[in-house]
Every structure is written in structure tokens, then in C-alpha cells.
């Protein structure tokens, strides 16, 4: 998430990540960008 800057927590650098939405497509290309958000993984 580029809107949440990295920060230092207990001496470690952390970033806020989100999982890419899972897909069972048989072709790796589509007619538009993926819009479904994946799971929020937190920092």
C-alpha cells in the first residue's frame, strides 16, 4: 500500500501488504486490470 509509508516497529522495518486476489484463469491476460482486492495482510 503506497499510501501507508514504511515505519520502524520494535527495531524492524514494516510495510502494509495486501494479498493479490487469487485467480483460476487459464490465460494470464485480460481485457482490463484486476479489481478484486485480496486479503489484508497487515504490517
ModelCIF file with pLDDT and N, C-alpha, C, O atoms, coordinates in Angstrom:
data_MODEL
#
_entry.id   MODEL 
#
_entity.id                         1 
_entity.type                       polymer 
_entity.pdbx_number_of_molecules   1 
#
_entity_poly.entity_id                      1 
_entity_poly.type                           'polypeptide(L)' 
_entity_poly.nstd_linkage                   no 
_entity_poly.nstd_monomer                   no 
_entity_poly.pdbx_seq_one_letter_code       
;(UNK)(UNK)(UNK)(UNK)(UNK)(UNK)(UNK)(UNK)(UNK)(UNK)(UNK)(UNK)(UNK)(UNK)(UNK)(UNK)
(UNK)(UNK)(UNK)(UNK)(UNK)(UNK)(UNK)(UNK)(UNK)(UNK)(UNK)(UNK)(UNK)(UNK)(UNK)(UNK)
(UNK)(UNK)(UNK)(UNK)(UNK)(UNK)(UNK)(UNK)(UNK)(UNK)(UNK)
;
_entity_poly.pdbx_seq_one_letter_code_can   XXXXXXXXXXXXXXXXXXXXXXXXXXXXXXXXXXXXXXXXXXX 
_entity_poly.pdbx_strand_id                 A 
#
loop_
_entity_poly_seq.entity_id 
_entity_poly_seq.num 
_entity_poly_seq.mon_id 
_entity_poly_seq.hetero 
1 1  UNK n 
1 2  UNK n 
1 3  UNK n 
1 4  UNK n 
1 5  UNK n 
1 6  UNK n 
1 7  UNK n 
1 8  UNK n 
1 9  UNK n 
1 10 UNK n 
1 11 UNK n 
1 12 UNK n 
1 13 UNK n 
1 14 UNK n 
1 15 UNK n 
1 16 UNK n 
1 17 UNK n 
1 18 UNK n 
1 19 UNK n 
1 20 UNK n 
1 21 UNK n 
1 22 UNK n 
1 23 UNK n 
1 24 UNK n 
1 25 UNK n 
1 26 UNK n 
1 27 UNK n 
1 28 UNK n 
1 29 UNK n 
1 30 UNK n 
1 31 UNK n 
1 32 UNK n 
1 33 UNK n 
1 34 UNK n 
1 35 UNK n 
1 36 UNK n 
1 37 UNK n 
1 38 UNK n 
1 39 UNK n 
1 40 UNK n 
1 41 UNK n 
1 42 UNK n 
1 43 UNK n 
#
_struct_asym.id          A 
_struct_asym.entity_id   1 
#
loop_
_ma_qa_metric.id 
_ma_qa_metric.mode 
_ma_qa_metric.name 
_ma_qa_metric.software_group_id 
_ma_qa_metric.type 
1 global pLDDT . pLDDT 
2 local  pLDDT . pLDDT 
#
_ma_qa_metric_global.metric_id      1 
_ma_qa_metric_global.metric_value   88.33 
_ma_qa_metric_global.model_id       1 
_ma_qa_metric_global.ordinal_id     1 
#
loop_
_ma_qa_metric_local.label_asym_id 
_ma_qa_metric_local.label_comp_id 
_ma_qa_metric_local.label_seq_id 
_ma_qa_metric_local.metric_id 
_ma_qa_metric_local.metric_value 
_ma_qa_metric_local.model_id 
_ma_qa_metric_local.ordinal_id 
A UNK 1  2 92.00 1 1  
A UNK 2  2 92.00 1 2  
A UNK 3  2 93.00 1 3  
A UNK 4  2 96.00 1 4  
A UNK 5  2 96.00 1 5  
A UNK 6  2 98.00 1 6  
A UNK 7  2 97.00 1 7  
A UNK 8  2 97.00 1 8  
A UNK 9  2 97.00 1 9  
A UNK 10 2 95.00 1 10 
A UNK 11 2 94.00 1 11 
A UNK 12 2 97.00 1 12 
A UNK 13 2 98.00 1 13 
A UNK 14 2 98.00 1 14 
A UNK 15 2 98.00 1 15 
A UNK 16 2 97.00 1 16 
A UNK 17 2 97.00 1 17 
A UNK 18 2 95.00 1 18 
A UNK 19 2 94.00 1 19 
A UNK 20 2 89.00 1 20 
A UNK 21 2 79.00 1 21 
A UNK 22 2 74.00 1 22 
A UNK 23 2 75.00 1 23 
A UNK 24 2 79.00 1 24 
A UNK 25 2 82.00 1 25 
A UNK 26 2 88.00 1 26 
A UNK 27 2 90.00 1 27 
A UNK 28 2 86.00 1 28 
A UNK 29 2 90.00 1 29 
A UNK 30 2 86.00 1 30 
A UNK 31 2 85.00 1 31 
A UNK 32 2 82.00 1 32 
A UNK 33 2 76.00 1 33 
A UNK 34 2 67.00 1 34 
A UNK 35 2 63.00 1 35 
A UNK 36 2 64.00 1 36 
A UNK 37 2 69.00 1 37 
A UNK 38 2 82.00 1 38 
A UNK 39 2 91.00 1 39 
A UNK 40 2 93.00 1 40 
A UNK 41 2 95.00 1 41 
A UNK 42 2 95.00 1 42 
A UNK 43 2 97.00 1 43 
#
loop_
_atom_site.group_PDB 
_atom_site.id 
_atom_site.type_symbol 
_atom_site.label_atom_id 
_atom_site.label_alt_id 
_atom_site.label_comp_id 
_atom_site.label_asym_id 
_atom_site.label_entity_id 
_atom_site.label_seq_id 
_atom_site.pdbx_PDB_ins_code 
_atom_site.Cartn_x 
_atom_site.Cartn_y 
_atom_site.Cartn_z 
_atom_site.occupancy 
_atom_site.B_iso_or_equiv 
_atom_site.pdbx_formal_charge 
_atom_site.auth_seq_id 
_atom_site.auth_comp_id 
_atom_site.auth_asym_id 
_atom_site.auth_atom_id 
_atom_site.pdbx_PDB_model_num 
ATOM 1   N N  . UNK A 1 1  ? 0.854   -1.188  0.000   1.00 92.00 ? 1  UNK A N  1 
ATOM 2   C CA . UNK A 1 1  ? 0.000   0.000   0.000   1.00 92.00 ? 1  UNK A CA 1 
ATOM 3   C C  . UNK A 1 1  ? 0.891   1.239   0.000   1.00 92.00 ? 1  UNK A C  1 
ATOM 4   O O  . UNK A 1 1  ? 1.517   1.528   1.019   1.00 92.00 ? 1  UNK A O  1 
ATOM 5   N N  . UNK A 1 2  ? 0.970   1.975   -1.099  1.00 92.00 ? 2  UNK A N  1 
ATOM 6   C CA . UNK A 1 2  ? 1.878   3.128   -1.157  1.00 92.00 ? 2  UNK A CA 1 
ATOM 7   C C  . UNK A 1 2  ? 1.399   4.312   -0.331  1.00 92.00 ? 2  UNK A C  1 
ATOM 8   O O  . UNK A 1 2  ? 2.160   5.249   -0.089  1.00 92.00 ? 2  UNK A O  1 
ATOM 9   N N  . UNK A 1 3  ? 0.140   4.276   0.104   1.00 93.00 ? 3  UNK A N  1 
ATOM 10  C CA . UNK A 1 3  ? -0.380  5.383   0.909   1.00 93.00 ? 3  UNK A CA 1 
ATOM 11  C C  . UNK A 1 3  ? -0.017  5.243   2.386   1.00 93.00 ? 3  UNK A C  1 
ATOM 12  O O  . UNK A 1 3  ? -0.244  6.165   3.169   1.00 93.00 ? 3  UNK A O  1 
ATOM 13  N N  . UNK A 1 4  ? 0.540   4.104   2.766   1.00 96.00 ? 4  UNK A N  1 
ATOM 14  C CA . UNK A 1 4  ? 0.984   3.908   4.148   1.00 96.00 ? 4  UNK A CA 1 
ATOM 15  C C  . UNK A 1 4  ? 2.495   3.758   4.147   1.00 96.00 ? 4  UNK A C  1 
ATOM 16  O O  . UNK A 1 4  ? 3.003   2.687   3.817   1.00 96.00 ? 4  UNK A O  1 
ATOM 17  N N  . UNK A 1 5  ? 3.225   4.802   4.508   1.00 96.00 ? 5  UNK A N  1 
ATOM 18  C CA . UNK A 1 5  ? 4.687   4.750   4.459   1.00 96.00 ? 5  UNK A CA 1 
ATOM 19  C C  . UNK A 1 5  ? 5.240   3.649   5.356   1.00 96.00 ? 5  UNK A C  1 
ATOM 20  O O  . UNK A 1 5  ? 4.621   3.297   6.361   1.00 96.00 ? 5  UNK A O  1 
ATOM 21  N N  . UNK A 1 6  ? 6.398   3.104   5.001   1.00 98.00 ? 6  UNK A N  1 
ATOM 22  C CA . UNK A 1 6  ? 7.030   2.122   5.880   1.00 98.00 ? 6  UNK A CA 1 
ATOM 23  C C  . UNK A 1 6  ? 7.379   2.768   7.211   1.00 98.00 ? 6  UNK A C  1 
ATOM 24  O O  . UNK A 1 6  ? 7.600   3.977   7.285   1.00 98.00 ? 6  UNK A O  1 
ATOM 25  N N  . UNK A 1 7  ? 7.426   1.960   8.256   1.00 97.00 ? 7  UNK A N  1 
ATOM 26  C CA . UNK A 1 7  ? 7.780   2.508   9.564   1.00 97.00 ? 7  UNK A CA 1 
ATOM 27  C C  . UNK A 1 7  ? 8.596   1.495   10.347  1.00 97.00 ? 7  UNK A C  1 
ATOM 28  O O  . UNK A 1 7  ? 8.703   0.325   9.980   1.00 97.00 ? 7  UNK A O  1 
ATOM 29  N N  . UNK A 1 8  ? 9.164   1.982   11.430  1.00 97.00 ? 8  UNK A N  1 
ATOM 30  C CA . UNK A 1 8  ? 10.008  1.163   12.282  1.00 97.00 ? 8  UNK A CA 1 
ATOM 31  C C  . UNK A 1 8  ? 9.187   0.715   13.483  1.00 97.00 ? 8  UNK A C  1 
ATOM 32  O O  . UNK A 1 8  ? 8.662   1.547   14.222  1.00 97.00 ? 8  UNK A O  1 
ATOM 33  N N  . UNK A 1 9  ? 9.073   -0.605  13.681  1.00 97.00 ? 9  UNK A N  1 
ATOM 34  C CA . UNK A 1 9  ? 8.312   -1.174  14.794  1.00 97.00 ? 9  UNK A CA 1 
ATOM 35  C C  . UNK A 1 9  ? 9.204   -2.179  15.519  1.00 97.00 ? 9  UNK A C  1 
ATOM 36  O O  . UNK A 1 9  ? 9.594   -3.200  14.953  1.00 97.00 ? 9  UNK A O  1 
ATOM 37  N N  . UNK A 1 10 ? 9.516   -1.878  16.762  1.00 95.00 ? 10 UNK A N  1 
ATOM 38  C CA . UNK A 1 10 ? 10.366  -2.771  17.568  1.00 95.00 ? 10 UNK A CA 1 
ATOM 39  C C  . UNK A 1 10 ? 11.673  -3.111  16.847  1.00 95.00 ? 10 UNK A C  1 
ATOM 40  O O  . UNK A 1 10 ? 12.136  -4.252  16.871  1.00 95.00 ? 10 UNK A O  1 
ATOM 41  N N  . UNK A 1 11 ? 12.246  -2.108  16.216  1.00 94.00 ? 11 UNK A N  1 
ATOM 42  C CA . UNK A 1 11 ? 13.536  -2.286  15.562  1.00 94.00 ? 11 UNK A CA 1 
ATOM 43  C C  . UNK A 1 11 ? 13.484  -2.891  14.175  1.00 94.00 ? 11 UNK A C  1 
ATOM 44  O O  . UNK A 1 11 ? 14.524  -3.073  13.543  1.00 94.00 ? 11 UNK A O  1 
ATOM 45  N N  . UNK A 1 12 ? 12.276  -3.211  13.681  1.00 97.00 ? 12 UNK A N  1 
ATOM 46  C CA . UNK A 1 12 ? 12.156  -3.795  12.345  1.00 97.00 ? 12 UNK A CA 1 
ATOM 47  C C  . UNK A 1 12 ? 11.373  -2.859  11.432  1.00 97.00 ? 12 UNK A C  1 
ATOM 48  O O  . UNK A 1 12 ? 10.431  -2.195  11.866  1.00 97.00 ? 12 UNK A O  1 
ATOM 49  N N  . UNK A 1 13 ? 11.771  -2.815  10.170  1.00 98.00 ? 13 UNK A N  1 
ATOM 50  C CA . UNK A 1 13 ? 11.047  -2.033  9.175   1.00 98.00 ? 13 UNK A CA 1 
ATOM 51  C C  . UNK A 1 13 ? 9.858   -2.855  8.699   1.00 98.00 ? 13 UNK A C  1 
ATOM 52  O O  . UNK A 1 13 ? 10.006  -4.018  8.323   1.00 98.00 ? 13 UNK A O  1 
ATOM 53  N N  . UNK A 1 14 ? 8.667   -2.236  8.719   1.00 98.00 ? 14 UNK A N  1 
ATOM 54  C CA . UNK A 1 14 ? 7.463   -2.948  8.289   1.00 98.00 ? 14 UNK A CA 1 
ATOM 55  C C  . UNK A 1 14 ? 6.746   -2.139  7.216   1.00 98.00 ? 14 UNK A C  1 
ATOM 56  O O  . UNK A 1 14 ? 6.855   -0.914  7.155   1.00 98.00 ? 14 UNK A O  1 
ATOM 57  N N  . UNK A 1 15 ? 5.998   -2.869  6.358   1.00 98.00 ? 15 UNK A N  1 
ATOM 58  C CA . UNK A 1 15 ? 5.148   -2.246  5.348   1.00 98.00 ? 15 UNK A CA 1 
ATOM 59  C C  . UNK A 1 15 ? 3.781   -2.920  5.391   1.00 98.00 ? 15 UNK A C  1 
ATOM 60  O O  . UNK A 1 15 ? 3.648   -4.062  5.833   1.00 98.00 ? 15 UNK A O  1 
ATOM 61  N N  . UNK A 1 16 ? 2.771   -2.195  4.926   1.00 97.00 ? 16 UNK A N  1 
ATOM 62  C CA . UNK A 1 16 ? 1.409   -2.718  4.883   1.00 97.00 ? 16 UNK A CA 1 
ATOM 63  C C  . UNK A 1 16 ? 1.208   -3.432  3.554   1.00 97.00 ? 16 UNK A C  1 
ATOM 64  O O  . UNK A 1 16 ? 1.330   -2.823  2.491   1.00 97.00 ? 16 UNK A O  1 
ATOM 65  N N  . UNK A 1 17 ? 0.896   -4.735  3.615   1.00 97.00 ? 17 UNK A N  1 
ATOM 66  C CA . UNK A 1 17 ? 0.744   -5.545  2.415   1.00 97.00 ? 17 UNK A CA 1 
ATOM 67  C C  . UNK A 1 17 ? -0.672  -6.077  2.275   1.00 97.00 ? 17 UNK A C  1 
ATOM 68  O O  . UNK A 1 17 ? -1.397  -6.247  3.255   1.00 97.00 ? 17 UNK A O  1 
ATOM 69  N N  . UNK A 1 18 ? -1.040  -6.333  1.038   1.00 95.00 ? 18 UNK A N  1 
ATOM 70  C CA . UNK A 1 18 ? -2.318  -6.962  0.720   1.00 95.00 ? 18 UNK A CA 1 
ATOM 71  C C  . UNK A 1 18 ? -2.049  -8.110  -0.253  1.00 95.00 ? 18 UNK A C  1 
ATOM 72  O O  . UNK A 1 18 ? -1.241  -7.990  -1.174  1.00 95.00 ? 18 UNK A O  1 
ATOM 73  N N  . UNK A 1 19 ? -2.734  -9.210  -0.028  1.00 94.00 ? 19 UNK A N  1 
ATOM 74  C CA . UNK A 1 19 ? -2.567  -10.359 -0.911  1.00 94.00 ? 19 UNK A CA 1 
ATOM 75  C C  . UNK A 1 19 ? -3.225  -10.101 -2.260  1.00 94.00 ? 19 UNK A C  1 
ATOM 76  O O  . UNK A 1 19 ? -4.296  -9.499  -2.338  1.00 94.00 ? 19 UNK A O  1 
ATOM 77  N N  . UNK A 1 20 ? -2.569  -10.564 -3.322  1.00 89.00 ? 20 UNK A N  1 
ATOM 78  C CA . UNK A 1 20 ? -3.166  -10.482 -4.644  1.00 89.00 ? 20 UNK A CA 1 
ATOM 79  C C  . UNK A 1 20 ? -4.355  -11.434 -4.696  1.00 89.00 ? 20 UNK A C  1 
ATOM 80  O O  . UNK A 1 20 ? -4.270  -12.570 -4.230  1.00 89.00 ? 20 UNK A O  1 
ATOM 81  N N  . UNK A 1 21 ? -5.451  -10.970 -5.258  1.00 79.00 ? 21 UNK A N  1 
ATOM 82  C CA . UNK A 1 21 ? -6.638  -11.818 -5.344  1.00 79.00 ? 21 UNK A CA 1 
ATOM 83  C C  . UNK A 1 21 ? -6.333  -13.086 -6.131  1.00 79.00 ? 21 UNK A C  1 
ATOM 84  O O  . UNK A 1 21 ? -5.757  -13.037 -7.218  1.00 79.00 ? 21 UNK A O  1 
ATOM 85  N N  . UNK A 1 22 ? -6.726  -14.211 -5.569  1.00 74.00 ? 22 UNK A N  1 
ATOM 86  C CA . UNK A 1 22 ? -6.479  -15.493 -6.223  1.00 74.00 ? 22 UNK A CA 1 
ATOM 87  C C  . UNK A 1 22 ? -7.291  -15.599 -7.509  1.00 74.00 ? 22 UNK A C  1 
ATOM 88  O O  . UNK A 1 22 ? -8.373  -15.020 -7.615  1.00 74.00 ? 22 UNK A O  1 
ATOM 89  N N  . UNK A 1 23 ? -6.771  -16.336 -8.482  1.00 75.00 ? 23 UNK A N  1 
ATOM 90  C CA . UNK A 1 23 ? -7.457  -16.497 -9.757  1.00 75.00 ? 23 UNK A CA 1 
ATOM 91  C C  . UNK A 1 23 ? -7.210  -17.900 -10.289 1.00 75.00 ? 23 UNK A C  1 
ATOM 92  O O  . UNK A 1 23 ? -6.122  -18.455 -10.133 1.00 75.00 ? 23 UNK A O  1 
ATOM 93  N N  . UNK A 1 24 ? -8.220  -18.455 -10.910 1.00 79.00 ? 24 UNK A N  1 
ATOM 94  C CA . UNK A 1 24 ? -8.067  -19.765 -11.539 1.00 79.00 ? 24 UNK A CA 1 
ATOM 95  C C  . UNK A 1 24 ? -8.137  -19.654 -13.056 1.00 79.00 ? 24 UNK A C  1 
ATOM 96  O O  . UNK A 1 24 ? -8.500  -20.611 -13.740 1.00 79.00 ? 24 UNK A O  1 
ATOM 97  N N  . UNK A 1 25 ? -7.782  -18.460 -13.588 1.00 82.00 ? 25 UNK A N  1 
ATOM 98  C CA . UNK A 1 25 ? -7.834  -18.234 -15.036 1.00 82.00 ? 25 UNK A CA 1 
ATOM 99  C C  . UNK A 1 25 ? -6.887  -19.189 -15.761 1.00 82.00 ? 25 UNK A C  1 
ATOM 100 O O  . UNK A 1 25 ? -5.835  -19.559 -15.239 1.00 82.00 ? 25 UNK A O  1 
ATOM 101 N N  . UNK A 1 26 ? -7.272  -19.571 -16.948 1.00 88.00 ? 26 UNK A N  1 
ATOM 102 C CA . UNK A 1 26 ? -6.434  -20.452 -17.767 1.00 88.00 ? 26 UNK A CA 1 
ATOM 103 C C  . UNK A 1 26 ? -5.588  -19.671 -18.768 1.00 88.00 ? 26 UNK A C  1 
ATOM 104 O O  . UNK A 1 26 ? -4.841  -20.260 -19.550 1.00 88.00 ? 26 UNK A O  1 
ATOM 105 N N  . UNK A 1 27 ? -5.706  -18.353 -18.741 1.00 90.00 ? 27 UNK A N  1 
ATOM 106 C CA . UNK A 1 27 ? -4.943  -17.475 -19.653 1.00 90.00 ? 27 UNK A CA 1 
ATOM 107 C C  . UNK A 1 27 ? -4.503  -16.273 -18.835 1.00 90.00 ? 27 UNK A C  1 
ATOM 108 O O  . UNK A 1 27 ? -5.342  -15.657 -18.179 1.00 90.00 ? 27 UNK A O  1 
ATOM 109 N N  . UNK A 1 28 ? -3.201  -15.905 -18.844 1.00 86.00 ? 28 UNK A N  1 
ATOM 110 C CA . UNK A 1 28 ? -2.705  -14.875 -17.919 1.00 86.00 ? 28 UNK A CA 1 
ATOM 111 C C  . UNK A 1 28 ? -2.979  -13.443 -18.346 1.00 86.00 ? 28 UNK A C  1 
ATOM 112 O O  . UNK A 1 28 ? -2.375  -12.526 -17.789 1.00 86.00 ? 28 UNK A O  1 
ATOM 113 N N  . UNK A 1 29 ? -3.863  -13.209 -19.307 1.00 90.00 ? 29 UNK A N  1 
ATOM 114 C CA . UNK A 1 29 ? -4.145  -11.860 -19.783 1.00 90.00 ? 29 UNK A CA 1 
ATOM 115 C C  . UNK A 1 29 ? -5.662  -11.617 -19.761 1.00 90.00 ? 29 UNK A C  1 
ATOM 116 O O  . UNK A 1 29 ? -6.452  -12.546 -19.934 1.00 90.00 ? 29 UNK A O  1 
ATOM 117 N N  . UNK A 1 30 ? -6.054  -10.348 -19.543 1.00 86.00 ? 30 UNK A N  1 
ATOM 118 C CA . UNK A 1 30 ? -7.476  -9.998  -19.509 1.00 86.00 ? 30 UNK A CA 1 
ATOM 119 C C  . UNK A 1 30 ? -7.701  -8.721  -20.296 1.00 86.00 ? 30 UNK A C  1 
ATOM 120 O O  . UNK A 1 30 ? -6.757  -8.089  -20.771 1.00 86.00 ? 30 UNK A O  1 
ATOM 121 N N  . UNK A 1 31 ? -8.983  -8.347  -20.426 1.00 85.00 ? 31 UNK A N  1 
ATOM 122 C CA . UNK A 1 31 ? -9.305  -7.123  -21.159 1.00 85.00 ? 31 UNK A CA 1 
ATOM 123 C C  . UNK A 1 31 ? -9.366  -5.899  -20.260 1.00 85.00 ? 31 UNK A C  1 
ATOM 124 O O  . UNK A 1 31 ? -9.813  -4.837  -20.692 1.00 85.00 ? 31 UNK A O  1 
ATOM 125 N N  . UNK A 1 32 ? -8.915  -6.034  -18.997 1.00 82.00 ? 32 UNK A N  1 
ATOM 126 C CA . UNK A 1 32 ? -8.899  -4.893  -18.097 1.00 82.00 ? 32 UNK A CA 1 
ATOM 127 C C  . UNK A 1 32 ? -8.138  -5.244  -16.827 1.00 82.00 ? 32 UNK A C  1 
ATOM 128 O O  . UNK A 1 32 ? -7.898  -6.423  -16.564 1.00 82.00 ? 32 UNK A O  1 
ATOM 129 N N  . UNK A 1 33 ? -7.752  -4.247  -16.035 1.00 76.00 ? 33 UNK A N  1 
ATOM 130 C CA . UNK A 1 33 ? -6.996  -4.522  -14.815 1.00 76.00 ? 33 UNK A CA 1 
ATOM 131 C C  . UNK A 1 33 ? -7.844  -5.281  -13.797 1.00 76.00 ? 33 UNK A C  1 
ATOM 132 O O  . UNK A 1 33 ? -9.062  -5.120  -13.729 1.00 76.00 ? 33 UNK A O  1 
ATOM 133 N N  . UNK A 1 34 ? -7.162  -6.113  -13.007 1.00 67.00 ? 34 UNK A N  1 
ATOM 134 C CA . UNK A 1 34 ? -7.850  -6.829  -11.932 1.00 67.00 ? 34 UNK A CA 1 
ATOM 135 C C  . UNK A 1 34 ? -8.328  -5.834  -10.894 1.00 67.00 ? 34 UNK A C  1 
ATOM 136 O O  . UNK A 1 34 ? -7.585  -4.930  -10.512 1.00 67.00 ? 34 UNK A O  1 
ATOM 137 N N  . UNK A 1 35 ? -9.553  -5.987  -10.435 1.00 63.00 ? 35 UNK A N  1 
ATOM 138 C CA . UNK A 1 35 ? -10.127 -5.027  -9.495  1.00 63.00 ? 35 UNK A CA 1 
ATOM 139 C C  . UNK A 1 35 ? -10.432 -5.635  -8.134  1.00 63.00 ? 35 UNK A C  1 
ATOM 140 O O  . UNK A 1 35 ? -10.542 -4.911  -7.145  1.00 63.00 ? 35 UNK A O  1 
ATOM 141 N N  . UNK A 1 36 ? -10.567 -6.942  -8.072  1.00 64.00 ? 36 UNK A N  1 
ATOM 142 C CA . UNK A 1 36 ? -10.947 -7.548  -6.797  1.00 64.00 ? 36 UNK A CA 1 
ATOM 143 C C  . UNK A 1 36 ? -9.792  -7.490  -5.813  1.00 64.00 ? 36 UNK A C  1 
ATOM 144 O O  . UNK A 1 36 ? -8.729  -8.042  -6.097  1.00 64.00 ? 36 UNK A O  1 
ATOM 145 N N  . UNK A 1 37 ? -9.959  -6.839  -4.660  1.00 69.00 ? 37 UNK A N  1 
ATOM 146 C CA . UNK A 1 37 ? -8.878  -6.784  -3.681  1.00 69.00 ? 37 UNK A CA 1 
ATOM 147 C C  . UNK A 1 37 ? -8.690  -8.136  -3.009  1.00 69.00 ? 37 UNK A C  1 
ATOM 148 O O  . UNK A 1 37 ? -9.644  -8.895  -2.837  1.00 69.00 ? 37 UNK A O  1 
ATOM 149 N N  . UNK A 1 38 ? -7.441  -8.431  -2.629  1.00 82.00 ? 38 UNK A N  1 
ATOM 150 C CA . UNK A 1 38 ? -7.157  -9.640  -1.881  1.00 82.00 ? 38 UNK A CA 1 
ATOM 151 C C  . UNK A 1 38 ? -7.207  -9.376  -0.395  1.00 82.00 ? 38 UNK A C  1 
ATOM 152 O O  . UNK A 1 38 ? -7.580  -8.289  0.047   1.00 82.00 ? 38 UNK A O  1 
ATOM 153 N N  . UNK A 1 39 ? -6.829  -10.376 0.367   1.00 91.00 ? 39 UNK A N  1 
ATOM 154 C CA . UNK A 1 39 ? -6.869  -10.272 1.823   1.00 91.00 ? 39 UNK A CA 1 
ATOM 155 C C  . UNK A 1 39 ? -5.860  -9.248  2.322   1.00 91.00 ? 39 UNK A C  1 
ATOM 156 O O  . UNK A 1 39 ? -4.761  -9.125  1.782   1.00 91.00 ? 39 UNK A O  1 
ATOM 157 N N  . UNK A 1 40 ? -6.249  -8.516  3.360   1.00 93.00 ? 40 UNK A N  1 
ATOM 158 C CA . UNK A 1 40 ? -5.359  -7.553  4.004   1.00 93.00 ? 40 UNK A CA 1 
ATOM 159 C C  . UNK A 1 40 ? -4.421  -8.312  4.934   1.00 93.00 ? 40 UNK A C  1 
ATOM 160 O O  . UNK A 1 40 ? -4.877  -8.946  5.885   1.00 93.00 ? 40 UNK A O  1 
ATOM 161 N N  . UNK A 1 41 ? -3.141  -8.259  4.677   1.00 95.00 ? 41 UNK A N  1 
ATOM 162 C CA . UNK A 1 41 ? -2.157  -8.987  5.481   1.00 95.00 ? 41 UNK A CA 1 
ATOM 163 C C  . UNK A 1 41 ? -1.615  -8.160  6.632   1.00 95.00 ? 41 UNK A C  1 
ATOM 164 O O  . UNK A 1 41 ? -0.868  -8.670  7.467   1.00 95.00 ? 41 UNK A O  1 
ATOM 165 N N  . UNK A 1 42 ? -1.991  -6.868  6.682   1.00 95.00 ? 42 UNK A N  1 
ATOM 166 C CA . UNK A 1 42 ? -1.488  -6.013  7.753   1.00 95.00 ? 42 UNK A CA 1 
ATOM 167 C C  . UNK A 1 42 ? -0.023  -5.664  7.549   1.00 95.00 ? 42 UNK A C  1 
ATOM 168 O O  . UNK A 1 42 ? 0.476   -5.695  6.424   1.00 95.00 ? 42 UNK A O  1 
ATOM 169 N N  . UNK A 1 43 ? 0.663   -5.336  8.626   1.00 97.00 ? 43 UNK A N  1 
ATOM 170 C CA . UNK A 1 43 ? 2.066   -4.929  8.543   1.00 97.00 ? 43 UNK A CA 1 
ATOM 171 C C  . UNK A 1 43 ? 2.977   -6.157  8.591   1.00 97.00 ? 43 UNK A C  1 
ATOM 172 O O  . UNK A 1 43 ? 4.199   -6.022  8.534   1.00 97.00 ? 43 UNK A O  1 
#
